[in-house]
Amino acid sequence: MVPVWFPYRSTLMGGFDYVYVFSSDGTLIKPTRKERSRTGRHGDDIYELSNGVYYATWFSRPNGHNRPIYVRYIRLVVDGDNATRSEISESDLPQAVAVKARAIYNRLIG
């Protein structure tokens, strides 16, 4: 198992960084553990991943509820003791992952 870290942020001013990790078949993977600041608004989500290919969708918004949400798609390849990240486009996501990522985005924009 290889630890993969992603930042977490949820401010009281509308800003956030949320990362969702999926297996190739679209199964949402929950973080193995979470490390948070004393306020609980910042920290890291840590995923312990076995060998394979995973996809992460990173949603980020600066402070302010009327700001746009930025979306990044990341392909994670875990091989042995290494995890390699590469940014990809939405069209490179497996269909099952793309559908779930779009649903999460629609929920975030309200």
C-alpha atoms as a PDB file:
ATOM      1  CA  MET A   1       0.000   0.000   0.000  1.00  0.00           C
ATOM      2  CA  VAL A   2       1.277   3.417  -0.980  1.00  0.00           C
ATOM      3  CA  PRO A   3       0.160   6.563   0.870  1.00  0.00           C
ATOM      4  CA  VAL A   4      -1.148   9.310  -1.419  1.00  0.00           C
ATOM      5  CA  TRP A   5      -1.875  12.716   0.117  1.00  0.00           C
ATOM      6  CA  PHE A   6      -4.278  15.394  -1.072  1.00  0.00           C
ATOM      7  CA  PRO A   7      -4.955  18.729   0.622  1.00  0.00           C
ATOM      8  CA  TYR A   8      -8.281  19.475   2.265  1.00  0.00           C
ATOM      9  CA  ARG A   9      -9.623  22.979   2.863  1.00  0.00           C
ATOM     10  CA  SER A  10     -13.066  24.228   3.816  1.00  0.00           C
ATOM     11  CA  THR A  11     -13.179  27.845   4.942  1.00  0.00           C
ATOM     12  CA  LEU A  12     -16.063  29.784   6.411  1.00  0.00           C
ATOM     13  CA  MET A  13     -15.832  32.171   3.453  1.00  0.00           C
ATOM     14  CA  GLY A  14     -16.919  29.772   0.712  1.00  0.00           C
ATOM     15  CA  GLY A  15     -13.494  28.509  -0.280  1.00  0.00           C
ATOM     16  CA  PHE A  16     -12.647  24.838  -0.468  1.00  0.00           C
ATOM     17  CA  ASP A  17     -10.388  22.128  -1.853  1.00  0.00           C
ATOM     18  CA  TYR A  18     -12.085  18.736  -2.077  1.00  0.00           C
ATOM     19  CA  VAL A  19     -10.521  15.705  -3.743  1.00  0.00           C
ATOM     20  CA  TYR A  20     -12.457  12.569  -4.643  1.00  0.00           C
ATOM     21  CA  VAL A  21     -10.518   9.421  -5.585  1.00  0.00           C
ATOM     22  CA  PHE A  22     -12.068   6.709  -7.749  1.00  0.00           C
ATOM     23  CA  SER A  23     -10.962   3.279  -8.902  1.00  0.00           C
ATOM     24  CA  SER A  24     -10.994   2.622 -12.659  1.00  0.00           C
ATOM     25  CA  ASP A  25     -14.519   1.176 -12.423  1.00  0.00           C
ATOM     26  CA  GLY A  26     -15.873   4.350 -10.785  1.00  0.00           C
ATOM     27  CA  THR A  27     -15.951   3.162  -7.169  1.00  0.00           C
ATOM     28  CA  LEU A  28     -15.448   6.080  -4.783  1.00  0.00           C
ATOM     29  CA  ILE A  29     -12.549   5.424  -2.427  1.00  0.00           C
ATOM     30  CA  LYS A  30     -12.700   6.954   1.034  1.00  0.00           C
ATOM     31  CA  PRO A  31      -9.551   8.333   2.669  1.00  0.00           C
ATOM     32  CA  THR A  32      -7.756   5.893   4.949  1.00  0.00           C
ATOM     33  CA  ARG A  33      -7.175   8.694   7.408  1.00  0.00           C
ATOM     34  CA  LYS A  34      -7.558  12.444   7.711  1.00  0.00           C
ATOM     35  CA  GLU A  35      -5.194  14.893   9.325  1.00  0.00           C
ATOM     36  CA  ARG A  36      -6.783  18.213  10.248  1.00  0.00           C
ATOM     37  CA  SER A  37      -5.717  21.475  11.804  1.00  0.00           C
ATOM     38  CA  ARG A  38      -7.108  22.411  15.207  1.00  0.00           C
ATOM     39  CA  THR A  39      -9.978  24.268  13.519  1.00  0.00           C
ATOM     40  CA  GLY A  40     -10.683  21.327  11.217  1.00  0.00           C
ATOM     41  CA  ARG A  41     -10.781  23.604   8.190  1.00  0.00           C
ATOM     42  CA  HIS A  42      -7.422  22.621   6.706  1.00  0.00           C
ATOM     43  CA  GLY A  43      -5.455  19.440   6.472  1.00  0.00           C
ATOM     44  CA  ASP A  44      -4.808  16.378   4.363  1.00  0.00           C
ATOM     45  CA  ASP A  45      -6.744  13.353   3.219  1.00  0.00           C
ATOM     46  CA  ILE A  46      -4.482  10.292   3.043  1.00  0.00           C
ATOM     47  CA  TYR A  47      -5.323   7.336   0.837  1.00  0.00           C
ATOM     48  CA  GLU A  48      -3.485   4.020   1.195  1.00  0.00           C
ATOM     49  CA  LEU A  49      -3.673   2.615  -2.331  1.00  0.00           C
ATOM     50  CA  SER A  50      -2.619  -0.774  -3.659  1.00  0.00           C
ATOM     51  CA  ASN A  51      -1.140  -1.320  -7.119  1.00  0.00           C
ATOM     52  CA  GLY A  52      -3.436  -0.126  -9.887  1.00  0.00           C
ATOM     53  CA  VAL A  53      -4.785   2.892 -11.727  1.00  0.00           C
ATOM     54  CA  TYR A  54      -6.942   5.452  -9.954  1.00  0.00           C
ATOM     55  CA  TYR A  55      -8.514   8.763 -10.898  1.00  0.00           C
ATOM     56  CA  ALA A  56      -8.866  11.832  -8.712  1.00  0.00           C
ATOM     57  CA  THR A  57     -11.129  14.805  -9.228  1.00  0.00           C
ATOM     58  CA  TRP A  58      -9.967  17.946  -7.449  1.00  0.00           C
ATOM     59  CA  PHE A  59     -12.511  20.712  -6.887  1.00  0.00           C
ATOM     60  CA  SER A  60     -11.150  24.057  -5.730  1.00  0.00           C
ATOM     61  CA  ARG A  61     -12.764  27.421  -5.109  1.00  0.00           C
ATOM     62  CA  PRO A  62     -11.135  30.540  -3.692  1.00  0.00           C
ATOM     63  CA  ASN A  63     -12.890  32.334  -0.850  1.00  0.00           C
ATOM     64  CA  GLY A  64     -16.174  33.874  -1.882  1.00  0.00           C
ATOM     65  CA  HIS A  65     -19.379  32.018  -2.665  1.00  0.00           C
ATOM     66  CA  ASN A  66     -19.756  33.675  -6.066  1.00  0.00           C
ATOM     67  CA  ARG A  67     -16.346  32.509  -7.333  1.00  0.00           C
ATOM     68  CA  PRO A  68     -15.989  29.788  -9.973  1.00  0.00           C
ATOM     69  CA  ILE A  69     -15.090  26.217  -9.048  1.00  0.00           C
ATOM     70  CA  TYR A  70     -11.903  24.990 -10.674  1.00  0.00           C
ATOM     71  CA  VAL A  71     -11.705  21.300 -11.545  1.00  0.00           C
ATOM     72  CA  ARG A  72      -8.580  19.201 -12.112  1.00  0.00           C
ATOM     73  CA  TYR A  73      -8.530  15.575 -13.177  1.00  0.00           C
ATOM     74  CA  ILE A  74      -5.597  13.424 -12.120  1.00  0.00           C
ATOM     75  CA  ARG A  75      -4.598   9.916 -13.149  1.00  0.00           C
ATOM     76  CA  LEU A  76      -2.772   8.044 -10.377  1.00  0.00           C
ATOM     77  CA  VAL A  77      -0.695   4.997 -11.197  1.00  0.00           C
ATOM     78  CA  VAL A  78       0.418   3.043  -8.137  1.00  0.00           C
ATOM     79  CA  ASP A  79       3.206   0.574  -8.854  1.00  0.00           C
ATOM     80  CA  GLY A  80       5.199  -0.992  -6.044  1.00  0.00           C
ATOM     81  CA  ASP A  81       6.229   1.791  -3.675  1.00  0.00           C
ATOM     82  CA  ASN A  82       5.570   4.633  -6.122  1.00  0.00           C
ATOM     83  CA  ALA A  83       2.513   6.665  -7.041  1.00  0.00           C
ATOM     84  CA  THR A  84       2.731   8.715 -10.220  1.00  0.00           C
ATOM     85  CA  ARG A  85       0.329  11.593 -10.810  1.00  0.00           C
ATOM     86  CA  SER A  86      -0.476  13.079 -14.196  1.00  0.00           C
ATOM     87  CA  GLU A  87      -3.059  15.725 -14.961  1.00  0.00           C
ATOM     88  CA  ILE A  88      -5.527  14.676 -17.639  1.00  0.00           C
ATOM     89  CA  SER A  89      -8.601  16.137 -19.323  1.00  0.00           C
ATOM     90  CA  GLU A  90     -12.173  15.188 -18.520  1.00  0.00           C
ATOM     91  CA  SER A  91     -12.397  13.295 -21.818  1.00  0.00           C
ATOM     92  CA  ASP A  92      -9.583  10.978 -20.615  1.00  0.00           C
ATOM     93  CA  LEU A  93     -11.608   9.793 -17.611  1.00  0.00           C
ATOM     94  CA  PRO A  94     -13.318   6.399 -17.741  1.00  0.00           C
ATOM     95  CA  GLN A  95     -17.046   6.897 -18.359  1.00  0.00           C
ATOM     96  CA  ALA A  96     -18.057   5.642 -14.887  1.00  0.00           C
ATOM     97  CA  VAL A  97     -15.678   8.127 -13.214  1.00  0.00           C
ATOM     98  CA  ALA A  98     -16.737  11.023 -15.467  1.00  0.00           C
ATOM     99  CA  VAL A  99     -20.421  10.509 -14.617  1.00  0.00           C
ATOM    100  CA  LYS A 100     -19.750  10.517 -10.868  1.00  0.00           C
ATOM    101  CA  ALA A 101     -17.379  13.497 -11.083  1.00  0.00           C
ATOM    102  CA  ARG A 102     -20.005  15.488 -12.991  1.00  0.00           C
ATOM    103  CA  ALA A 103     -22.647  14.615 -10.366  1.00  0.00           C
ATOM    104  CA  ILE A 104     -20.364  15.826  -7.559  1.00  0.00           C
ATOM    105  CA  TYR A 105     -19.656  19.052  -9.474  1.00  0.00           C
ATOM    106  CA  ASN A 106     -23.381  19.679  -9.980  1.00  0.00           C
ATOM    107  CA  ARG A 107     -23.975  19.145  -6.261  1.00  0.00           C
ATOM    108  CA  LEU A 108     -21.211  21.623  -5.363  1.00  0.00           C
ATOM    109  CA  ILE A 109     -22.522  24.382  -7.612  1.00  0.00           C
ATOM    110  CA  GLY A 110     -25.947  23.939  -6.044  1.00  0.00           C
END
